[in-house]
N, C-alpha and C. Protein backbone atom coordinates (compact mmCIF):
# COMPACT_ATOMS: atom_id res chain seq x y z
N MET A 1 94.17 233.70 -45.08
CA MET A 1 92.85 233.67 -45.19
C MET A 1 92.19 235.00 -45.54
N ASP A 2 91.96 235.07 -46.89
CA ASP A 2 91.53 236.18 -47.56
C ASP A 2 90.18 235.97 -47.98
N LYS A 3 89.32 237.11 -48.25
CA LYS A 3 88.05 236.93 -48.63
C LYS A 3 88.21 237.03 -50.26
N VAL A 4 87.13 236.47 -51.04
CA VAL A 4 87.13 236.55 -52.19
C VAL A 4 85.98 237.43 -52.95
N SER A 5 86.30 238.18 -53.87
CA SER A 5 85.32 238.89 -54.64
C SER A 5 84.93 238.22 -55.80
N LEU A 6 83.64 237.71 -55.93
CA LEU A 6 83.25 236.94 -57.12
C LEU A 6 83.26 237.83 -58.35
N ALA A 7 82.86 239.21 -58.28
CA ALA A 7 82.75 240.07 -59.27
C ALA A 7 84.20 240.33 -59.74
N GLN A 8 85.20 240.48 -59.04
CA GLN A 8 86.65 240.79 -59.43
C GLN A 8 87.08 239.38 -60.20
N LYS A 9 86.89 238.17 -59.57
CA LYS A 9 87.30 237.02 -60.12
C LYS A 9 86.57 236.58 -61.40
N PHE A 10 85.29 236.90 -61.66
CA PHE A 10 84.64 236.59 -62.81
C PHE A 10 85.21 237.69 -63.89
N ALA A 11 85.52 238.87 -63.54
CA ALA A 11 86.23 239.92 -64.57
C ALA A 11 87.55 239.26 -65.10
N LEU A 12 88.05 238.39 -64.43
CA LEU A 12 89.44 237.84 -65.05
C LEU A 12 89.18 236.65 -65.99
N ILE A 13 87.89 236.26 -66.08
CA ILE A 13 87.47 234.97 -66.96
C ILE A 13 87.09 235.52 -68.31
N SER A 14 87.67 235.17 -69.33
CA SER A 14 87.18 235.73 -70.65
C SER A 14 86.66 234.42 -71.39
N GLU A 15 86.81 233.16 -71.12
CA GLU A 15 86.42 232.13 -72.02
C GLU A 15 85.13 231.45 -71.33
N TYR A 16 84.28 230.97 -72.33
CA TYR A 16 82.97 230.38 -71.83
C TYR A 16 83.33 228.84 -71.61
N TRP A 17 82.64 228.28 -70.66
CA TRP A 17 82.55 226.73 -70.45
C TRP A 17 83.84 226.33 -69.97
N LYS A 18 84.77 227.13 -69.46
CA LYS A 18 86.13 226.73 -68.96
C LYS A 18 86.23 227.18 -67.49
N PRO A 19 85.83 226.15 -66.54
CA PRO A 19 85.94 226.42 -65.15
C PRO A 19 87.29 226.85 -64.77
N LYS A 20 87.37 227.75 -63.70
CA LYS A 20 88.52 228.18 -63.07
C LYS A 20 88.52 227.92 -61.51
N ILE A 21 89.59 227.44 -60.90
CA ILE A 21 89.49 227.14 -59.56
C ILE A 21 89.59 228.53 -58.69
N ALA A 22 88.71 228.78 -57.89
CA ALA A 22 88.71 230.03 -57.12
C ALA A 22 89.06 229.73 -55.58
N GLY A 23 88.95 228.49 -55.20
CA GLY A 23 89.30 227.98 -53.78
C GLY A 23 89.00 226.51 -53.60
N GLN A 24 89.40 226.09 -52.47
CA GLN A 24 89.35 224.60 -52.31
C GLN A 24 88.67 224.57 -50.77
N VAL A 25 87.93 223.70 -50.55
CA VAL A 25 87.36 223.34 -49.16
C VAL A 25 87.35 221.89 -49.08
N ASN A 26 88.27 221.31 -48.39
CA ASN A 26 88.61 219.87 -48.18
C ASN A 26 89.04 219.43 -49.60
N ASP A 27 88.30 218.48 -49.88
CA ASP A 27 88.54 217.78 -51.25
C ASP A 27 87.62 218.25 -52.37
N PHE A 28 87.11 219.46 -52.05
CA PHE A 28 86.14 220.11 -52.98
C PHE A 28 86.73 221.29 -53.56
N HIS A 29 86.49 221.53 -54.88
CA HIS A 29 86.89 222.78 -55.64
C HIS A 29 85.69 223.67 -55.65
N VAL A 30 86.06 225.11 -55.31
CA VAL A 30 85.10 226.06 -55.70
C VAL A 30 85.49 226.57 -56.88
N LYS A 31 84.64 226.41 -58.03
CA LYS A 31 85.04 226.81 -59.49
C LYS A 31 84.12 227.93 -59.87
N LEU A 32 84.64 228.83 -60.67
CA LEU A 32 83.91 229.90 -61.32
C LEU A 32 83.85 229.69 -62.90
N VAL A 33 82.76 229.78 -63.49
CA VAL A 33 82.81 229.54 -64.87
C VAL A 33 81.53 230.47 -65.48
N LYS A 34 81.90 230.90 -66.61
CA LYS A 34 80.98 231.76 -67.48
C LYS A 34 80.34 230.74 -68.46
N PHE A 35 79.00 230.90 -68.62
CA PHE A 35 78.15 230.00 -69.69
C PHE A 35 77.69 231.11 -70.56
N THR A 36 77.58 230.44 -71.92
CA THR A 36 76.59 231.04 -72.86
C THR A 36 76.35 229.89 -73.99
N GLY A 37 75.06 229.86 -74.26
CA GLY A 37 74.74 228.92 -75.26
C GLY A 37 74.53 227.50 -74.54
N GLU A 38 74.64 226.60 -75.16
CA GLU A 38 74.45 225.32 -74.65
C GLU A 38 75.76 224.42 -74.42
N PHE A 39 75.83 223.56 -73.52
CA PHE A 39 76.92 222.66 -73.24
C PHE A 39 76.71 221.32 -73.91
N ILE A 40 77.07 220.32 -73.39
CA ILE A 40 76.84 218.91 -73.96
C ILE A 40 76.02 218.05 -72.95
N TRP A 41 75.30 217.03 -73.50
CA TRP A 41 74.95 216.03 -72.52
C TRP A 41 75.82 215.23 -71.87
N HIS A 42 76.00 215.05 -70.46
CA HIS A 42 76.87 214.18 -69.97
C HIS A 42 76.42 213.98 -68.46
N HIS A 43 77.14 213.02 -67.93
CA HIS A 43 76.85 212.64 -66.43
C HIS A 43 78.27 212.50 -65.72
N HIS A 44 78.19 212.29 -64.35
CA HIS A 44 79.44 211.88 -63.72
C HIS A 44 79.04 210.82 -62.90
N ASP A 45 79.81 209.78 -63.20
CA ASP A 45 79.59 208.51 -62.36
C ASP A 45 79.68 208.57 -60.89
N HIS A 46 80.65 209.39 -60.38
CA HIS A 46 81.00 209.46 -59.01
C HIS A 46 80.82 210.71 -58.16
N GLU A 47 80.40 211.89 -59.00
CA GLU A 47 80.32 213.20 -58.30
C GLU A 47 79.00 213.79 -58.45
N ASP A 48 78.60 214.34 -57.23
CA ASP A 48 77.46 215.22 -57.43
C ASP A 48 78.17 216.63 -57.76
N GLU A 49 77.22 217.61 -58.21
CA GLU A 49 77.67 218.96 -58.62
C GLU A 49 76.63 219.88 -58.00
N LEU A 50 77.12 221.07 -57.62
CA LEU A 50 76.39 222.28 -57.24
C LEU A 50 76.64 223.27 -58.31
N PHE A 51 75.56 223.81 -58.85
CA PHE A 51 75.64 225.08 -59.64
C PHE A 51 74.89 226.17 -59.09
N LEU A 52 75.61 227.18 -58.64
CA LEU A 52 74.88 228.38 -58.05
C LEU A 52 75.01 229.66 -59.04
N VAL A 53 73.93 230.14 -59.55
CA VAL A 53 74.00 231.24 -60.39
C VAL A 53 74.14 232.65 -59.81
N VAL A 54 75.03 233.24 -60.17
CA VAL A 54 75.59 234.51 -59.47
C VAL A 54 74.98 235.60 -60.49
N LYS A 55 74.97 235.48 -61.60
CA LYS A 55 74.48 236.45 -62.62
C LYS A 55 73.94 235.76 -63.88
N GLY A 56 72.84 236.20 -64.49
CA GLY A 56 72.31 235.69 -65.66
C GLY A 56 71.24 234.64 -65.38
N ARG A 57 70.95 233.74 -66.10
CA ARG A 57 70.03 232.70 -66.09
C ARG A 57 70.45 231.53 -66.68
N MET A 58 70.12 230.36 -65.97
CA MET A 58 70.60 229.16 -66.49
C MET A 58 69.40 228.08 -66.59
N ARG A 59 69.37 227.41 -67.55
CA ARG A 59 68.46 226.08 -67.63
C ARG A 59 69.18 224.90 -67.49
N MET A 60 68.88 224.00 -66.45
CA MET A 60 69.37 222.78 -66.39
C MET A 60 68.52 221.68 -67.07
N CYS A 61 68.93 221.28 -68.16
CA CYS A 61 68.18 220.31 -68.90
C CYS A 61 68.39 218.93 -68.42
N PHE A 62 67.46 218.31 -68.09
CA PHE A 62 67.37 216.70 -67.95
C PHE A 62 66.73 216.02 -68.93
N ARG A 63 66.67 214.77 -69.19
CA ARG A 63 66.00 214.09 -70.28
C ARG A 63 64.43 214.24 -70.20
N ASP A 64 63.94 214.48 -68.91
CA ASP A 64 62.57 214.41 -68.84
C ASP A 64 62.03 215.69 -68.47
N ARG A 65 63.00 216.72 -68.32
CA ARG A 65 62.44 218.12 -67.65
C ARG A 65 63.39 218.94 -67.77
N GLU A 66 63.23 220.43 -67.53
CA GLU A 66 64.10 221.58 -67.54
C GLU A 66 63.79 222.20 -66.20
N VAL A 67 64.93 222.73 -65.60
CA VAL A 67 64.78 223.50 -64.54
C VAL A 67 65.44 224.94 -64.58
N VAL A 68 64.80 225.95 -64.38
CA VAL A 68 65.42 227.29 -64.65
C VAL A 68 66.01 227.68 -63.34
N VAL A 69 67.27 228.15 -63.41
CA VAL A 69 67.97 228.62 -62.21
C VAL A 69 68.24 230.16 -62.36
N ASP A 70 67.76 230.85 -61.50
CA ASP A 70 67.93 232.33 -61.58
C ASP A 70 69.02 232.79 -60.59
N PRO A 71 69.51 233.94 -60.64
CA PRO A 71 70.68 234.50 -59.68
C PRO A 71 70.20 234.31 -58.22
N GLY A 72 71.21 233.83 -57.37
CA GLY A 72 70.82 233.55 -56.02
C GLY A 72 70.36 232.21 -55.73
N GLU A 73 70.15 231.45 -56.76
CA GLU A 73 69.56 230.13 -56.70
C GLU A 73 70.56 229.01 -57.15
N PHE A 74 70.44 227.67 -56.56
CA PHE A 74 71.24 226.79 -56.97
C PHE A 74 70.59 225.46 -57.31
N ILE A 75 71.12 224.60 -57.94
CA ILE A 75 70.66 223.25 -58.31
C ILE A 75 71.74 222.27 -57.93
N ILE A 76 71.36 221.09 -57.53
CA ILE A 76 72.37 220.06 -57.29
C ILE A 76 71.98 218.96 -58.16
N VAL A 77 73.05 218.60 -58.97
CA VAL A 77 72.90 217.38 -60.09
C VAL A 77 73.49 216.09 -59.35
N PRO A 78 72.66 215.16 -59.06
CA PRO A 78 73.29 213.95 -58.30
C PRO A 78 74.15 213.16 -59.30
N ARG A 79 75.08 212.47 -58.76
CA ARG A 79 75.94 211.79 -59.73
C ARG A 79 75.09 210.68 -60.50
N GLY A 80 75.53 210.49 -61.72
CA GLY A 80 74.84 209.39 -62.64
C GLY A 80 73.59 210.10 -63.45
N VAL A 81 73.26 211.28 -63.03
CA VAL A 81 72.02 211.89 -63.81
C VAL A 81 72.68 212.62 -65.01
N GLU A 82 72.11 212.28 -66.08
CA GLU A 82 72.58 212.94 -67.27
C GLU A 82 71.89 214.45 -67.28
N HIS A 83 72.70 215.39 -67.74
CA HIS A 83 72.24 216.86 -67.82
C HIS A 83 72.92 217.57 -68.76
N LYS A 84 72.39 218.82 -69.11
CA LYS A 84 73.00 219.77 -69.94
C LYS A 84 72.58 221.08 -69.61
N PRO A 85 73.67 221.97 -69.28
CA PRO A 85 73.33 223.26 -68.87
C PRO A 85 73.22 224.02 -70.06
N VAL A 86 72.32 225.14 -70.00
CA VAL A 86 72.23 225.95 -71.25
C VAL A 86 71.84 227.37 -70.57
N ALA A 87 72.55 228.44 -71.31
CA ALA A 87 72.28 229.78 -70.92
C ALA A 87 72.12 230.56 -72.13
N GLU A 88 71.11 231.44 -72.21
CA GLU A 88 70.76 232.12 -73.32
C GLU A 88 71.50 233.42 -73.45
N GLY A 89 72.06 233.98 -72.36
CA GLY A 89 73.19 235.03 -72.39
C GLY A 89 74.20 234.63 -71.44
N GLU A 90 75.19 235.41 -71.38
CA GLU A 90 76.25 235.41 -70.45
C GLU A 90 75.67 235.04 -68.96
N THR A 91 76.08 233.99 -68.39
CA THR A 91 75.79 233.63 -67.16
C THR A 91 76.98 233.26 -66.14
N HIS A 92 77.04 233.67 -64.99
CA HIS A 92 78.15 233.44 -64.12
C HIS A 92 77.67 232.51 -63.03
N VAL A 93 78.63 231.39 -62.93
CA VAL A 93 78.07 230.23 -62.12
C VAL A 93 79.16 229.92 -61.28
N VAL A 94 78.97 229.56 -59.98
CA VAL A 94 79.86 228.98 -59.04
C VAL A 94 79.54 227.51 -58.89
N LEU A 95 80.52 226.63 -59.14
CA LEU A 95 80.50 225.28 -59.04
C LEU A 95 81.07 224.78 -57.79
N LEU A 96 80.50 223.80 -56.98
CA LEU A 96 81.14 223.29 -55.83
C LEU A 96 81.03 221.81 -56.10
N GLU A 97 82.20 221.25 -56.29
CA GLU A 97 82.27 219.79 -56.68
C GLU A 97 83.59 219.14 -56.26
N PRO A 98 83.67 217.87 -56.14
CA PRO A 98 84.81 217.26 -55.82
C PRO A 98 85.99 217.68 -56.81
N ALA A 99 87.27 217.75 -56.20
CA ALA A 99 88.33 218.14 -57.04
C ALA A 99 88.57 217.17 -58.20
N THR A 100 88.10 215.97 -58.09
CA THR A 100 88.29 214.94 -59.39
C THR A 100 87.39 215.14 -60.35
N THR A 101 86.41 215.97 -60.37
CA THR A 101 85.31 216.19 -61.22
C THR A 101 85.82 216.70 -62.57
N LEU A 102 85.65 216.06 -63.66
CA LEU A 102 86.02 216.54 -64.93
C LEU A 102 84.73 217.19 -65.61
N ASN A 103 84.89 218.38 -66.17
CA ASN A 103 83.77 219.17 -66.57
C ASN A 103 82.86 218.58 -67.50
N THR A 104 83.44 217.68 -68.48
CA THR A 104 82.54 216.99 -69.32
C THR A 104 82.15 215.49 -68.76
N GLY A 105 82.43 215.21 -67.63
CA GLY A 105 82.03 213.92 -66.98
C GLY A 105 82.45 212.87 -67.89
N ASN A 106 81.40 212.03 -68.40
CA ASN A 106 81.80 210.79 -68.99
C ASN A 106 82.07 211.04 -70.56
N VAL A 107 82.07 212.28 -70.99
CA VAL A 107 82.34 212.45 -72.38
C VAL A 107 83.72 213.10 -72.48
N ARG A 108 84.40 212.83 -73.45
CA ARG A 108 85.76 213.57 -73.61
C ARG A 108 85.73 214.07 -75.13
N ASN A 109 85.84 215.45 -75.33
CA ASN A 109 85.83 216.07 -76.60
C ASN A 109 86.60 217.47 -76.45
N GLU A 110 86.33 218.22 -77.43
CA GLU A 110 86.93 219.61 -77.31
C GLU A 110 86.64 220.36 -76.22
N ARG A 111 85.63 220.28 -75.60
CA ARG A 111 85.22 221.09 -74.56
C ARG A 111 85.80 220.47 -73.26
N THR A 112 86.37 219.37 -73.13
CA THR A 112 86.93 218.84 -71.95
C THR A 112 88.11 219.64 -71.49
N VAL A 113 88.16 219.98 -70.28
CA VAL A 113 89.23 220.72 -69.69
C VAL A 113 89.95 220.00 -68.65
N PRO A 114 90.97 219.11 -69.01
CA PRO A 114 91.74 218.11 -68.00
C PRO A 114 92.40 218.91 -66.99
N GLU A 115 92.97 220.06 -67.21
CA GLU A 115 93.78 220.76 -66.29
C GLU A 115 93.20 222.25 -65.96
N LEU A 116 92.67 222.50 -64.73
CA LEU A 116 92.04 223.79 -64.43
C LEU A 116 93.08 224.78 -64.00
N ASP A 117 92.97 225.91 -64.44
CA ASP A 117 93.69 227.16 -63.93
C ASP A 117 93.12 227.77 -62.68
N ARG A 118 93.75 228.50 -61.89
CA ARG A 118 93.23 229.21 -60.88
C ARG A 118 92.99 230.64 -61.21
N VAL A 119 92.08 231.20 -60.64
CA VAL A 119 91.82 232.72 -60.74
C VAL A 119 91.97 233.44 -59.46
């Protein structure tokens, strides 16, 4: 049982939109990811997702609105809800989601990360 420094772990991440596993709580992964620019529209049939912004600013786009998430804030996207994260500059995000969650949800493309590395 060791503590985790988010700053140290984020310093090890050089790629955008590629989550890394930083820990596990029961059947949930604690993932760290750096965002910049736009991701893709997608949804998750069976998993809710929590996005906690540590650094930067993220917009979570939904088909009918957008929600700005600043450092120290989080948003939960319920399963089945189509969404698209957007970050104007480099943004550091902690994800808490079931271990089964695929980063691109119902979409499979070049941004899909089927096997996650640990940091």
